[in-house]
Amino acid sequence: MSALRYRLEPSTSKLHVFTYAEGLFARLAHDLRLTVTETDLVAERSVAGEGTISGTVALARLRVDGVMKGDRLRDDVLSAKDCDEILEKMRLDVFGGAAPSASLSVRGALDGARFTLTVEAPNGRASTATGRVTGSSLENGETIRGEVELSLRDFSGRDVKGPLGAFRIADRVRVTFDATFVLVP
């Protein structure tokens, strides 16, 4: 039997990106949560259970949800203008000035509860990391929960700093997912 092919179902999936401020004046900055609102990801799973994922995430599909205060999301701290400025700074400083229509390329492999994920930015720089699956379900397709930490410096080639270098964005970017994949007929 050949591998089963799936596509990510955006309406029932959650992909969050967490960034962290650090440095002497980090209290002037914010830890943020962003959401990936739509992707073009497909997955394949063999009968033995090994899987692969590939596809793209458009930079225009990143949305700033708000500020993290501990484990709590505060969506009332940033204005719409603040959110737009954060996304523009990210596009320029992290992804090398990529056009707003550019995409991240995603590819990965799943083996049991561990997976390897490579995300390549439009500037050709990539971050590869090993993550873990924290849960899965086969009820309505395949739902996989997990997380991985990628390196911001791998994408940008340098530290990403705030105005006047008062703080920097931590190198670690945590990505959590609760992704539902539906079988492609």
N, C-alpha and C. Protein backbone atom coordinates (compact mmCIF):
# COMPACT_ATOMS: atom_id res chain seq x y z
N MET A 1 0.84 -1.17 0.00
CA MET A 1 0.00 0.00 0.00
C MET A 1 0.89 1.24 0.00
N SER A 2 0.51 2.24 -0.79
CA SER A 2 1.31 3.46 -0.87
C SER A 2 1.00 4.39 0.31
N ALA A 3 1.73 5.47 0.37
CA ALA A 3 1.54 6.44 1.45
C ALA A 3 0.21 7.17 1.30
N LEU A 4 -0.35 7.55 2.42
CA LEU A 4 -1.57 8.35 2.44
C LEU A 4 -1.18 9.81 2.34
N ARG A 5 -1.94 10.60 1.59
CA ARG A 5 -1.64 12.02 1.39
C ARG A 5 -2.72 12.86 2.06
N TYR A 6 -2.29 13.91 2.78
CA TYR A 6 -3.18 14.78 3.54
C TYR A 6 -2.89 16.23 3.20
N ARG A 7 -3.85 17.11 3.46
CA ARG A 7 -3.63 18.56 3.39
C ARG A 7 -4.03 19.16 4.73
N LEU A 8 -3.38 20.23 5.10
CA LEU A 8 -3.69 20.90 6.36
C LEU A 8 -5.05 21.59 6.24
N GLU A 9 -5.88 21.39 7.24
CA GLU A 9 -7.20 22.04 7.30
C GLU A 9 -7.08 23.28 8.19
N PRO A 10 -7.01 24.50 7.57
CA PRO A 10 -6.78 25.70 8.36
C PRO A 10 -7.89 26.03 9.36
N SER A 11 -9.12 25.69 9.07
CA SER A 11 -10.21 26.08 9.96
C SER A 11 -10.18 25.35 11.30
N THR A 12 -9.52 24.20 11.36
CA THR A 12 -9.45 23.46 12.62
C THR A 12 -8.02 23.30 13.14
N SER A 13 -7.09 24.04 12.55
CA SER A 13 -5.68 23.96 12.95
C SER A 13 -5.25 25.27 13.61
N LYS A 14 -4.31 25.15 14.53
CA LYS A 14 -3.74 26.32 15.18
C LYS A 14 -2.23 26.22 15.10
N LEU A 15 -1.60 27.21 14.47
CA LEU A 15 -0.14 27.29 14.39
C LEU A 15 0.26 28.64 14.97
N HIS A 16 0.94 28.60 16.13
CA HIS A 16 1.34 29.83 16.81
C HIS A 16 2.86 29.95 16.84
N VAL A 17 3.33 31.18 16.74
CA VAL A 17 4.75 31.51 16.80
C VAL A 17 4.93 32.46 17.97
N PHE A 18 5.86 32.13 18.87
CA PHE A 18 6.12 32.95 20.05
C PHE A 18 7.52 33.54 19.95
N THR A 19 7.62 34.86 20.14
CA THR A 19 8.92 35.52 20.18
C THR A 19 9.11 36.14 21.56
N TYR A 20 10.38 36.32 21.93
CA TYR A 20 10.70 36.78 23.29
C TYR A 20 11.71 37.91 23.23
N ALA A 21 11.46 38.96 24.01
CA ALA A 21 12.41 40.07 24.12
C ALA A 21 13.39 39.75 25.23
N GLU A 22 14.65 40.20 25.06
CA GLU A 22 15.65 40.01 26.10
C GLU A 22 16.64 41.16 26.07
N GLY A 23 17.39 41.28 27.11
CA GLY A 23 18.37 42.35 27.21
C GLY A 23 18.02 43.32 28.32
N LEU A 24 18.86 44.31 28.49
CA LEU A 24 18.74 45.25 29.58
C LEU A 24 17.38 45.96 29.63
N PHE A 25 16.86 46.34 28.48
CA PHE A 25 15.59 47.06 28.44
C PHE A 25 14.45 46.21 27.87
N ALA A 26 14.53 44.92 28.08
CA ALA A 26 13.50 44.01 27.54
C ALA A 26 12.12 44.33 28.07
N ARG A 27 12.05 44.92 29.26
CA ARG A 27 10.73 45.27 29.81
C ARG A 27 10.03 46.33 28.97
N LEU A 28 10.78 47.04 28.14
CA LEU A 28 10.18 48.04 27.25
C LEU A 28 9.60 47.39 26.00
N ALA A 29 9.93 46.16 25.78
CA ALA A 29 9.47 45.42 24.60
C ALA A 29 8.39 44.42 25.03
N HIS A 30 7.99 43.58 24.10
CA HIS A 30 6.93 42.62 24.38
C HIS A 30 7.32 41.23 23.90
N ASP A 31 6.90 40.23 24.65
CA ASP A 31 6.90 38.86 24.15
C ASP A 31 5.61 38.75 23.34
N LEU A 32 5.70 38.21 22.15
CA LEU A 32 4.55 38.22 21.24
C LEU A 32 4.08 36.82 20.88
N ARG A 33 2.80 36.74 20.52
CA ARG A 33 2.27 35.53 19.89
C ARG A 33 1.74 35.94 18.53
N LEU A 34 2.19 35.21 17.52
CA LEU A 34 1.71 35.38 16.16
C LEU A 34 0.98 34.11 15.76
N THR A 35 0.06 34.23 14.83
CA THR A 35 -0.65 33.07 14.31
C THR A 35 -0.44 32.99 12.81
N VAL A 36 -0.25 31.77 12.33
CA VAL A 36 -0.23 31.51 10.90
C VAL A 36 -1.67 31.22 10.52
N THR A 37 -2.27 32.09 9.69
CA THR A 37 -3.70 31.98 9.42
C THR A 37 -4.04 31.02 8.29
N GLU A 38 -3.10 30.74 7.44
CA GLU A 38 -3.38 29.82 6.33
C GLU A 38 -2.05 29.34 5.76
N THR A 39 -2.02 28.11 5.32
CA THR A 39 -0.80 27.55 4.75
C THR A 39 -1.15 26.72 3.53
N ASP A 40 -0.13 26.33 2.83
CA ASP A 40 -0.26 25.38 1.72
C ASP A 40 0.63 24.19 2.07
N LEU A 41 0.23 23.45 3.12
CA LEU A 41 1.03 22.32 3.59
C LEU A 41 0.33 21.01 3.27
N VAL A 42 1.12 20.05 2.86
CA VAL A 42 0.62 18.69 2.64
C VAL A 42 1.51 17.73 3.42
N ALA A 43 0.95 16.61 3.78
CA ALA A 43 1.69 15.59 4.53
C ALA A 43 1.44 14.24 3.90
N GLU A 44 2.40 13.37 4.06
CA GLU A 44 2.26 11.98 3.64
C GLU A 44 2.66 11.09 4.80
N ARG A 45 1.95 9.98 4.97
CA ARG A 45 2.27 9.03 6.03
C ARG A 45 2.28 7.64 5.45
N SER A 46 3.35 6.91 5.73
CA SER A 46 3.45 5.53 5.26
C SER A 46 2.68 4.62 6.20
N VAL A 47 2.46 3.40 5.76
CA VAL A 47 1.78 2.41 6.59
C VAL A 47 2.57 2.17 7.88
N ALA A 48 3.89 2.28 7.82
CA ALA A 48 4.74 2.07 8.99
C ALA A 48 4.68 3.25 9.97
N GLY A 49 4.06 4.37 9.56
CA GLY A 49 3.90 5.50 10.47
C GLY A 49 4.85 6.66 10.24
N GLU A 50 5.89 6.48 9.41
CA GLU A 50 6.77 7.61 9.12
C GLU A 50 6.01 8.61 8.27
N GLY A 51 6.32 9.88 8.46
CA GLY A 51 5.61 10.89 7.71
C GLY A 51 6.51 12.01 7.24
N THR A 52 6.03 12.74 6.26
CA THR A 52 6.72 13.92 5.76
C THR A 52 5.71 15.05 5.65
N ILE A 53 6.23 16.26 5.70
CA ILE A 53 5.40 17.44 5.49
C ILE A 53 6.17 18.37 4.57
N SER A 54 5.45 19.06 3.70
CA SER A 54 6.09 20.04 2.82
C SER A 54 5.05 21.07 2.39
N GLY A 55 5.56 22.21 1.96
CA GLY A 55 4.67 23.25 1.47
C GLY A 55 5.20 24.63 1.80
N THR A 56 4.29 25.60 1.79
CA THR A 56 4.67 26.98 2.01
C THR A 56 3.74 27.67 3.01
N VAL A 57 4.30 28.73 3.60
CA VAL A 57 3.54 29.62 4.48
C VAL A 57 3.81 31.03 3.97
N ALA A 58 2.79 31.70 3.48
CA ALA A 58 2.95 33.06 2.97
C ALA A 58 3.19 34.02 4.13
N LEU A 59 4.18 34.91 3.98
CA LEU A 59 4.45 35.90 5.02
C LEU A 59 3.21 36.76 5.28
N ALA A 60 2.42 36.99 4.26
CA ALA A 60 1.20 37.78 4.41
C ALA A 60 0.16 37.07 5.28
N ARG A 61 0.38 35.79 5.59
CA ARG A 61 -0.56 35.02 6.41
C ARG A 61 -0.16 34.97 7.87
N LEU A 62 0.86 35.75 8.25
CA LEU A 62 1.22 35.89 9.66
C LEU A 62 0.41 37.04 10.26
N ARG A 63 -0.11 36.83 11.45
CA ARG A 63 -0.90 37.84 12.14
C ARG A 63 -0.37 37.95 13.57
N VAL A 64 -0.21 39.17 14.06
CA VAL A 64 0.18 39.38 15.45
C VAL A 64 -1.09 39.31 16.29
N ASP A 65 -1.16 38.33 17.19
CA ASP A 65 -2.33 38.17 18.06
C ASP A 65 -2.30 39.11 19.24
N GLY A 66 -1.10 39.34 19.77
CA GLY A 66 -0.99 40.20 20.94
C GLY A 66 0.26 39.90 21.74
N VAL A 67 0.25 40.38 22.96
CA VAL A 67 1.38 40.32 23.88
C VAL A 67 1.14 39.19 24.87
N MET A 68 2.18 38.42 25.12
CA MET A 68 2.11 37.36 26.13
C MET A 68 2.57 37.92 27.47
N LYS A 69 1.74 37.76 28.47
CA LYS A 69 2.08 38.10 29.86
C LYS A 69 2.06 36.78 30.61
N GLY A 70 3.24 36.18 30.77
CA GLY A 70 3.30 34.83 31.31
C GLY A 70 2.67 33.89 30.29
N ASP A 71 1.69 33.11 30.72
CA ASP A 71 1.00 32.19 29.82
C ASP A 71 -0.28 32.78 29.24
N ARG A 72 -0.54 34.06 29.52
CA ARG A 72 -1.79 34.69 29.10
C ARG A 72 -1.59 35.62 27.92
N LEU A 73 -2.46 35.51 26.92
CA LEU A 73 -2.42 36.40 25.77
C LEU A 73 -3.21 37.66 26.08
N ARG A 74 -2.60 38.82 25.84
CA ARG A 74 -3.29 40.10 25.99
C ARG A 74 -3.44 40.70 24.59
N ASP A 75 -4.66 40.75 24.10
CA ASP A 75 -4.90 41.29 22.76
C ASP A 75 -5.30 42.76 22.79
N ASP A 76 -5.21 43.40 23.95
CA ASP A 76 -5.60 44.80 24.09
C ASP A 76 -4.40 45.74 24.29
N VAL A 77 -3.20 45.24 24.12
CA VAL A 77 -2.00 46.05 24.38
C VAL A 77 -1.53 46.77 23.11
N LEU A 78 -1.58 46.10 21.98
CA LEU A 78 -1.07 46.65 20.73
C LEU A 78 -2.21 47.17 19.85
N SER A 79 -1.95 48.27 19.17
CA SER A 79 -2.91 48.79 18.20
C SER A 79 -2.73 48.04 16.88
N ALA A 80 -3.66 48.20 15.98
CA ALA A 80 -3.53 47.60 14.64
C ALA A 80 -2.28 48.13 13.95
N LYS A 81 -1.98 49.42 14.14
CA LYS A 81 -0.77 50.01 13.56
C LYS A 81 0.47 49.36 14.14
N ASP A 82 0.51 49.13 15.47
CA ASP A 82 1.64 48.44 16.10
C ASP A 82 1.85 47.07 15.47
N CYS A 83 0.77 46.34 15.29
CA CYS A 83 0.86 44.99 14.71
C CYS A 83 1.41 45.04 13.30
N ASP A 84 0.94 45.99 12.49
CA ASP A 84 1.45 46.14 11.13
C ASP A 84 2.93 46.49 11.12
N GLU A 85 3.36 47.35 12.06
CA GLU A 85 4.77 47.73 12.14
C GLU A 85 5.64 46.55 12.56
N ILE A 86 5.15 45.73 13.45
CA ILE A 86 5.89 44.54 13.87
C ILE A 86 6.09 43.59 12.69
N LEU A 87 5.03 43.37 11.93
CA LEU A 87 5.13 42.47 10.77
C LEU A 87 6.06 43.04 9.71
N GLU A 88 6.03 44.35 9.50
CA GLU A 88 6.93 44.99 8.53
C GLU A 88 8.38 44.87 8.98
N LYS A 89 8.63 45.11 10.27
CA LYS A 89 10.00 44.98 10.80
C LYS A 89 10.49 43.55 10.67
N MET A 90 9.61 42.60 10.91
CA MET A 90 9.97 41.20 10.77
C MET A 90 10.33 40.88 9.32
N ARG A 91 9.52 41.36 8.40
CA ARG A 91 9.77 41.11 6.97
C ARG A 91 11.12 41.69 6.56
N LEU A 92 11.43 42.89 7.06
CA LEU A 92 12.68 43.55 6.68
C LEU A 92 13.89 42.97 7.42
N ASP A 93 13.81 42.87 8.75
CA ASP A 93 14.97 42.49 9.56
C ASP A 93 15.22 40.99 9.63
N VAL A 94 14.17 40.20 9.64
CA VAL A 94 14.34 38.76 9.79
C VAL A 94 14.44 38.07 8.43
N PHE A 95 13.59 38.48 7.50
CA PHE A 95 13.53 37.79 6.22
C PHE A 95 14.18 38.56 5.08
N GLY A 96 15.10 39.46 5.42
CA GLY A 96 15.94 40.11 4.42
C GLY A 96 15.23 41.02 3.44
N GLY A 97 14.15 41.66 3.87
CA GLY A 97 13.44 42.58 2.98
C GLY A 97 12.57 41.88 1.96
N ALA A 98 12.18 40.66 2.25
CA ALA A 98 11.34 39.91 1.31
C ALA A 98 10.05 40.66 1.01
N ALA A 99 9.57 40.48 -0.20
CA ALA A 99 8.30 41.10 -0.60
C ALA A 99 7.17 40.56 0.28
N PRO A 100 6.16 41.37 0.54
CA PRO A 100 5.02 40.90 1.36
C PRO A 100 4.36 39.65 0.80
N SER A 101 4.49 39.43 -0.50
CA SER A 101 3.87 38.25 -1.12
C SER A 101 4.75 37.00 -1.04
N ALA A 102 5.95 37.12 -0.47
CA ALA A 102 6.88 35.99 -0.38
C ALA A 102 6.39 34.94 0.61
N SER A 103 6.97 33.75 0.50
CA SER A 103 6.58 32.63 1.36
C SER A 103 7.78 31.97 2.00
N LEU A 104 7.51 31.34 3.15
CA LEU A 104 8.49 30.45 3.79
C LEU A 104 8.27 29.07 3.22
N SER A 105 9.34 28.36 2.97
CA SER A 105 9.26 26.97 2.51
C SER A 105 9.43 26.06 3.72
N VAL A 106 8.55 25.07 3.85
CA VAL A 106 8.55 24.18 5.00
C VAL A 106 8.70 22.74 4.51
N ARG A 107 9.60 22.00 5.18
CA ARG A 107 9.70 20.57 4.90
C ARG A 107 10.13 19.87 6.19
N GLY A 108 9.64 18.68 6.37
CA GLY A 108 9.97 17.98 7.60
C GLY A 108 9.70 16.50 7.50
N ALA A 109 10.16 15.79 8.52
CA ALA A 109 9.97 14.34 8.59
C ALA A 109 9.57 13.98 10.01
N LEU A 110 8.62 13.08 10.12
CA LEU A 110 8.11 12.61 11.41
C LEU A 110 8.47 11.15 11.57
N ASP A 111 9.02 10.82 12.75
CA ASP A 111 9.35 9.43 13.07
C ASP A 111 8.97 9.21 14.53
N GLY A 112 7.80 8.64 14.75
CA GLY A 112 7.32 8.45 16.11
C GLY A 112 6.93 9.77 16.72
N ALA A 113 7.48 10.07 17.91
CA ALA A 113 7.14 11.31 18.60
C ALA A 113 8.14 12.43 18.30
N ARG A 114 9.11 12.19 17.46
CA ARG A 114 10.10 13.20 17.11
C ARG A 114 9.95 13.58 15.65
N PHE A 115 10.22 14.84 15.37
CA PHE A 115 10.21 15.27 13.98
C PHE A 115 11.32 16.28 13.76
N THR A 116 11.76 16.36 12.53
CA THR A 116 12.74 17.34 12.12
C THR A 116 12.04 18.28 11.15
N LEU A 117 12.23 19.56 11.37
CA LEU A 117 11.56 20.57 10.55
C LEU A 117 12.60 21.56 10.03
N THR A 118 12.51 21.87 8.76
CA THR A 118 13.35 22.91 8.16
C THR A 118 12.43 23.95 7.57
N VAL A 119 12.65 25.20 7.95
CA VAL A 119 11.90 26.33 7.41
C VAL A 119 12.90 27.23 6.70
N GLU A 120 12.67 27.47 5.41
CA GLU A 120 13.57 28.30 4.63
C GLU A 120 12.88 29.63 4.31
N ALA A 121 13.59 30.71 4.59
CA ALA A 121 13.07 32.06 4.35
C ALA A 121 13.25 32.44 2.88
N PRO A 122 12.54 33.45 2.42
CA PRO A 122 12.68 33.91 1.03
C PRO A 122 14.11 34.36 0.70
N ASN A 123 14.89 34.75 1.69
CA ASN A 123 16.28 35.17 1.46
C ASN A 123 17.22 33.98 1.29
N GLY A 124 16.68 32.75 1.35
CA GLY A 124 17.49 31.54 1.16
C GLY A 124 18.07 30.98 2.44
N ARG A 125 17.96 31.69 3.54
CA ARG A 125 18.48 31.21 4.82
C ARG A 125 17.45 30.30 5.46
N ALA A 126 17.91 29.29 6.18
CA ALA A 126 16.99 28.30 6.75
C ALA A 126 17.35 27.98 8.19
N SER A 127 16.35 27.51 8.92
CA SER A 127 16.54 27.03 10.28
C SER A 127 16.00 25.60 10.33
N THR A 128 16.79 24.71 10.87
CA THR A 128 16.39 23.31 11.03
C THR A 128 16.44 22.97 12.50
N ALA A 129 15.41 22.29 12.97
CA ALA A 129 15.35 21.92 14.38
C ALA A 129 14.60 20.61 14.54
N THR A 130 14.85 19.95 15.65
CA THR A 130 14.12 18.74 16.01
C THR A 130 13.10 19.12 17.07
N GLY A 131 11.88 18.68 16.88
CA GLY A 131 10.81 18.97 17.82
C GLY A 131 10.18 17.68 18.32
N ARG A 132 9.09 17.86 19.06
CA ARG A 132 8.42 16.69 19.59
C ARG A 132 6.92 16.79 19.36
N VAL A 133 6.33 15.66 19.15
CA VAL A 133 4.88 15.55 19.04
C VAL A 133 4.38 15.24 20.44
N THR A 134 3.41 16.03 20.90
CA THR A 134 2.89 15.84 22.26
C THR A 134 1.53 15.15 22.27
N GLY A 135 0.97 14.90 21.11
CA GLY A 135 -0.31 14.21 21.04
C GLY A 135 -0.75 14.06 19.60
N SER A 136 -1.60 13.09 19.37
CA SER A 136 -2.15 12.90 18.03
C SER A 136 -3.48 12.18 18.13
N SER A 137 -4.25 12.29 17.06
CA SER A 137 -5.57 11.67 17.01
C SER A 137 -5.88 11.32 15.57
N LEU A 138 -6.65 10.27 15.37
CA LEU A 138 -7.04 9.86 14.02
C LEU A 138 -8.54 10.03 13.78
N GLU A 139 -9.23 10.82 14.62
CA GLU A 139 -10.68 10.89 14.55
C GLU A 139 -11.21 11.46 13.24
N ASN A 140 -10.86 12.66 12.87
CA ASN A 140 -11.34 13.28 11.63
C ASN A 140 -10.14 13.63 10.76
N GLY A 141 -9.49 12.64 10.26
CA GLY A 141 -8.22 12.86 9.58
C GLY A 141 -7.12 12.57 10.58
N GLU A 142 -6.08 13.37 10.58
CA GLU A 142 -4.98 13.19 11.51
C GLU A 142 -4.73 14.53 12.20
N THR A 143 -4.82 14.57 13.51
CA THR A 143 -4.49 15.76 14.27
C THR A 143 -3.20 15.50 15.02
N ILE A 144 -2.26 16.42 14.85
CA ILE A 144 -0.96 16.27 15.49
C ILE A 144 -0.68 17.54 16.29
N ARG A 145 -0.31 17.38 17.56
CA ARG A 145 0.06 18.50 18.42
C ARG A 145 1.53 18.39 18.76
N GLY A 146 2.19 19.54 18.82
CA GLY A 146 3.59 19.50 19.18
C GLY A 146 4.20 20.89 19.18
N GLU A 147 5.51 20.91 19.31
CA GLU A 147 6.22 22.18 19.29
C GLU A 147 7.66 21.98 18.86
N VAL A 148 8.24 23.07 18.40
CA VAL A 148 9.64 23.08 17.96
C VAL A 148 10.17 24.49 18.19
N GLU A 149 11.46 24.60 18.45
CA GLU A 149 12.11 25.90 18.57
C GLU A 149 13.06 26.09 17.40
N LEU A 150 12.85 27.18 16.67
CA LEU A 150 13.69 27.53 15.53
C LEU A 150 14.60 28.69 15.93
N SER A 151 15.65 28.90 15.16
CA SER A 151 16.60 29.97 15.43
C SER A 151 16.29 31.18 14.56
N LEU A 152 16.02 32.30 15.18
CA LEU A 152 15.78 33.55 14.47
C LEU A 152 17.04 33.99 13.73
N ARG A 153 18.18 33.80 14.37
CA ARG A 153 19.46 34.19 13.77
C ARG A 153 19.74 33.40 12.48
N ASP A 154 19.25 32.15 12.41
CA ASP A 154 19.43 31.39 11.18
C ASP A 154 18.76 32.07 10.00
N PHE A 155 17.62 32.72 10.22
CA PHE A 155 16.91 33.41 9.15
C PHE A 155 17.54 34.75 8.81
N SER A 156 17.92 35.49 9.85
CA SER A 156 18.38 36.87 9.64
C SER A 156 19.88 36.99 9.47
N GLY A 157 20.64 36.03 10.00
CA GLY A 157 22.09 36.11 9.95
C GLY A 157 22.70 36.99 11.03
N ARG A 158 21.84 37.53 11.91
CA ARG A 158 22.33 38.43 12.96
C ARG A 158 21.27 38.54 14.05
N ASP A 159 21.63 39.24 15.12
CA ASP A 159 20.64 39.53 16.15
C ASP A 159 19.63 40.53 15.62
N VAL A 160 18.38 40.38 16.01
CA VAL A 160 17.34 41.34 15.65
C VAL A 160 17.11 42.22 16.87
N LYS A 161 17.32 43.52 16.69
CA LYS A 161 17.27 44.45 17.82
C LYS A 161 16.13 45.44 17.67
N GLY A 162 15.72 45.98 18.82
CA GLY A 162 14.71 47.02 18.86
C GLY A 162 15.33 48.37 18.56
N PRO A 163 14.52 49.43 18.61
CA PRO A 163 15.02 50.79 18.36
C PRO A 163 16.21 51.13 19.25
N LEU A 164 17.22 51.71 18.66
CA LEU A 164 18.45 52.14 19.34
C LEU A 164 19.16 50.99 20.05
N GLY A 165 18.84 49.76 19.69
CA GLY A 165 19.48 48.60 20.30
C GLY A 165 19.12 48.39 21.75
N ALA A 166 18.01 48.98 22.19
CA ALA A 166 17.62 48.93 23.61
C ALA A 166 17.31 47.51 24.08
N PHE A 167 16.90 46.65 23.18
CA PHE A 167 16.62 45.25 23.49
C PHE A 167 16.83 44.44 22.22
N ARG A 168 16.80 43.16 22.35
CA ARG A 168 16.89 42.29 21.18
C ARG A 168 15.81 41.22 21.29
N ILE A 169 15.50 40.65 20.16
CA ILE A 169 14.56 39.54 20.13
C ILE A 169 15.38 38.27 20.33
N ALA A 170 14.96 37.43 21.27
CA ALA A 170 15.71 36.20 21.57
C ALA A 170 15.86 35.36 20.31
N ASP A 171 16.97 34.64 20.24
CA ASP A 171 17.24 33.79 19.08
C ASP A 171 16.20 32.67 18.96
N ARG A 172 15.71 32.17 20.09
CA ARG A 172 14.75 31.06 20.03
C ARG A 172 13.36 31.57 19.70
N VAL A 173 12.75 30.95 18.73
CA VAL A 173 11.37 31.22 18.35
C VAL A 173 10.62 29.91 18.53
N ARG A 174 9.64 29.91 19.42
CA ARG A 174 8.89 28.68 19.70
C ARG A 174 7.67 28.62 18.79
N VAL A 175 7.51 27.49 18.12
CA VAL A 175 6.35 27.26 17.26
C VAL A 175 5.56 26.11 17.86
N THR A 176 4.28 26.36 18.14
CA THR A 176 3.40 25.30 18.63
C THR A 176 2.33 25.05 17.57
N PHE A 177 1.88 23.83 17.52
CA PHE A 177 0.86 23.52 16.52
C PHE A 177 -0.11 22.48 17.05
N ASP A 178 -1.32 22.64 16.62
CA ASP A 178 -2.41 21.69 16.81
C ASP A 178 -3.00 21.60 15.41
N ALA A 179 -2.42 20.74 14.60
CA ALA A 179 -2.68 20.72 13.16
C ALA A 179 -3.54 19.54 12.76
N THR A 180 -4.63 19.85 12.08
CA THR A 180 -5.51 18.80 11.56
C THR A 180 -5.26 18.63 10.08
N PHE A 181 -4.95 17.42 9.71
CA PHE A 181 -4.75 17.07 8.31
C PHE A 181 -5.89 16.19 7.85
N VAL A 182 -6.47 16.53 6.69
CA VAL A 182 -7.55 15.73 6.13
C VAL A 182 -7.05 14.98 4.91
N LEU A 183 -7.55 13.78 4.75
CA LEU A 183 -7.14 12.92 3.66
C LEU A 183 -7.50 13.55 2.32
N VAL A 184 -6.54 13.54 1.40
CA VAL A 184 -6.79 14.03 0.05
C VAL A 184 -7.30 12.85 -0.77
N PRO A 185 -8.50 13.00 -1.36
CA PRO A 185 -9.06 11.86 -2.12
C PRO A 185 -8.23 11.50 -3.33
